[in-house]
Protein backbone atom coordinates (compact mmCIF):
# COMPACT_ATOMS: atom_id res chain seq x y z
CA MET A 1 105.01 69.71 85.18
CA THR A 2 101.54 71.11 85.08
CA ASP A 3 99.60 72.64 82.26
CA GLY A 4 98.25 75.74 84.39
CA ARG A 5 95.11 74.25 85.43
CA PRO A 6 94.38 72.94 89.30
CA PRO A 7 94.93 69.44 89.84
CA PRO A 8 91.78 67.26 89.94
CA HIS A 9 89.44 67.97 92.97
CA ALA A 10 91.92 70.56 94.01
CA PRO A 11 90.53 73.51 95.95
CA ALA A 12 90.06 76.67 94.09
CA SER A 13 91.83 80.03 94.99
CA PRO A 14 90.61 81.96 97.86
CA CYS A 15 91.96 85.06 95.78
CA VAL A 16 89.34 87.69 96.11
CA ASN A 17 90.89 90.18 94.24
CA ILE A 18 91.96 92.57 96.53
CA CYS A 19 95.71 91.87 96.45
CA VAL A 20 97.49 94.04 99.43
CA ILE A 21 100.47 92.74 101.05
CA HIS A 22 100.46 93.80 104.50
CA PRO A 23 104.01 95.09 105.36
CA GLU A 24 104.47 93.25 109.05
CA THR A 25 102.50 90.11 108.44
CA ARG A 26 103.50 90.05 104.72
CA ILE A 27 100.33 88.04 104.06
CA CYS A 28 97.31 89.33 101.83
CA THR A 29 94.77 91.43 102.98
CA GLY A 30 92.08 89.98 100.70
CA CYS A 31 92.94 86.29 100.92
CA LEU A 32 95.06 86.00 103.99
CA ARG A 33 97.58 83.80 102.19
CA SER A 34 101.60 84.62 102.44
CA ILE A 35 103.41 85.53 99.29
CA GLU A 36 104.89 82.24 98.90
CA GLU A 37 101.49 80.36 99.11
CA ILE A 38 99.98 82.61 96.54
CA SER A 39 103.07 82.08 94.06
CA ALA A 40 102.91 77.98 94.84
CA TRP A 41 99.36 77.91 94.31
CA PRO A 42 98.81 76.80 90.80
CA LYS A 43 101.42 74.11 91.44
CA LEU A 44 100.04 72.81 94.77
CA ALA A 45 98.33 69.56 95.38
CA ALA A 46 95.06 69.31 96.64
CA GLU A 47 95.97 68.40 100.12
CA ASP A 48 98.46 71.32 100.45
CA ARG A 49 95.61 73.85 99.23
CA ARG A 50 93.21 72.38 101.79
CA ALA A 51 95.96 72.72 104.56
CA ILE A 52 96.44 76.44 103.53
CA LEU A 53 92.88 76.92 103.56
CA ASP A 54 92.33 75.74 106.67
CA ALA A 55 94.91 77.62 108.26
CA LEU A 56 93.41 81.14 106.82
CA PRO A 57 90.70 81.68 109.27
CA ALA A 58 93.61 81.89 112.17
CA ARG A 59 95.03 84.49 110.42
CA ALA A 60 92.58 86.96 110.01
CA PRO A 61 93.14 88.47 113.60
CA LEU A 62 96.63 89.47 112.60
CA LEU A 63 95.10 92.04 110.34
CA GLN A 64 92.53 93.34 112.49
CA GLN A 65 95.13 95.05 114.81
CA ARG A 66 95.05 99.13 113.96
CA ARG A 67 97.87 100.91 113.24
CA GLY A 68 97.80 103.30 115.91
CA GLY A 69 96.50 106.32 114.52
CA ARG A 70 98.59 109.53 115.51
CA ALA A 71 100.67 107.74 117.99
CA GLY A 72 101.34 105.14 115.38
CA ARG A 73 102.25 107.64 113.06
CA ILE A 74 104.66 109.22 115.55
CA LYS A 75 106.33 106.34 116.12
CA ARG A 76 106.94 105.38 112.53
CA GLY A 77 108.54 108.89 112.13
CA ARG A 78 105.84 110.63 110.50
CA ALA A 79 104.06 113.81 112.29
CA ALA A 80 100.42 114.28 112.55
CA ASP A 81 99.01 116.82 109.90
């Protein structure tokens, strides 16, 4: 069991205090981690943390897609104002 401190030589959390989970990708728009990765982070070994950090840059394009403006609102069932 851990005492709450990160394992020795473990990378720090990539959290940037913008904690918003994208509803479709289910990743945080701030740090790009999944909910599961965020909750497991304190218990992860250094190599597991590094693997997650290495995967984060490839996730950024998932959040750069526009939601569709007026057409997207209509598609989602909300009429434009």
